[in-house]
Amino acid sequence: MEQKKSSFYWENPHAKKMRSDTQSTLAAEVIREFMEFYRLDYSLAIFGPEANLKGKTENRNELTKRTGLKSAS
């Protein structure tokens, strides 16, 4: 019997590589924060697991410091 492969992130070599790179992981966290801010819940339901982003998004001020971006507030 042939076993079907699932489409989860760990079978995607590009997604796995992204999580091993600090800058790519930070970019994914910024994208997730953007989606949370604009309440793109359906997109988040796919993006979070596919990018293997676990837990909550860190404090927005901390994320701003890590990225070097200016705060919009």
Protein backbone atom coordinates (compact mmCIF):
# COMPACT_ATOMS: atom_id res chain seq x y z
CA MET A 1 0.00 0.00 0.00
CA GLU A 2 1.42 3.37 -1.03
CA GLN A 3 1.59 5.94 1.75
CA LYS A 4 0.35 9.45 0.89
CA LYS A 5 2.61 12.34 1.76
CA SER A 6 1.08 15.18 3.71
CA SER A 7 1.64 18.78 2.69
CA PHE A 8 2.89 20.04 6.02
CA TYR A 9 5.91 22.35 6.21
CA TRP A 10 8.44 19.73 7.29
CA GLU A 11 8.18 18.09 3.90
CA ASN A 12 8.93 21.38 2.17
CA PRO A 13 12.73 21.76 2.05
CA HIS A 14 12.42 25.51 1.43
CA ALA A 15 10.29 26.02 4.56
CA LYS A 16 12.69 23.90 6.59
CA LYS A 17 15.65 25.95 5.30
CA MET A 18 13.81 29.18 6.14
CA ARG A 19 13.52 28.17 9.80
CA SER A 20 17.28 27.55 10.02
CA ASP A 21 18.06 31.13 8.92
CA THR A 22 17.65 33.90 11.51
CA GLN A 23 16.79 36.62 8.98
CA SER A 24 14.20 34.49 7.22
CA THR A 25 12.62 33.52 10.52
CA LEU A 26 12.45 37.19 11.51
CA ALA A 27 10.78 38.02 8.18
CA ALA A 28 8.21 35.28 8.80
CA GLU A 29 7.53 36.69 12.27
CA VAL A 30 6.97 40.16 10.77
CA ILE A 31 4.55 38.69 8.22
CA ARG A 32 2.70 36.85 10.99
CA GLU A 33 2.45 40.04 13.07
CA PHE A 34 1.08 41.88 10.02
CA MET A 35 -1.57 39.20 9.55
CA GLU A 36 -2.47 39.30 13.24
CA PHE A 37 -2.71 43.10 13.24
CA TYR A 38 -5.08 43.11 10.26
CA ARG A 39 -6.93 40.03 11.57
CA LEU A 40 -6.25 37.89 8.53
CA ASP A 41 -7.30 34.82 10.50
CA TYR A 42 -7.79 32.44 7.58
CA SER A 43 -4.39 33.28 6.15
CA LEU A 44 -2.81 32.89 9.58
CA ALA A 45 -4.38 29.46 9.97
CA ILE A 46 -2.32 28.32 6.99
CA PHE A 47 0.80 30.49 7.31
CA GLY A 48 1.64 29.75 10.95
CA PRO A 49 1.77 25.96 10.68
CA GLU A 50 3.33 26.00 7.22
CA ALA A 51 6.13 28.31 8.40
CA ASN A 52 6.39 26.35 11.68
CA LEU A 53 5.79 29.48 13.77
CA LYS A 54 4.80 28.25 17.19
CA GLY A 55 3.57 30.22 20.14
CA LYS A 56 2.53 33.84 20.12
CA THR A 57 4.07 36.69 18.22
CA GLU A 58 6.51 38.52 20.43
CA ASN A 59 5.77 42.00 21.73
CA ARG A 60 5.44 44.40 18.81
CA ASN A 61 8.02 46.79 20.32
CA GLU A 62 10.55 43.94 20.62
CA LEU A 63 9.88 42.89 17.04
CA THR A 64 10.38 46.50 15.94
CA LYS A 65 13.76 46.62 17.72
CA ARG A 66 14.90 43.30 16.21
CA THR A 67 14.03 44.42 12.69
CA GLY A 68 15.40 47.93 12.99
CA LEU A 69 12.11 49.30 11.66
CA LYS A 70 10.48 52.42 13.02
CA SER A 71 7.32 52.06 15.08
CA ALA A 72 4.15 53.35 13.44
CA SER A 73 2.71 54.47 16.78
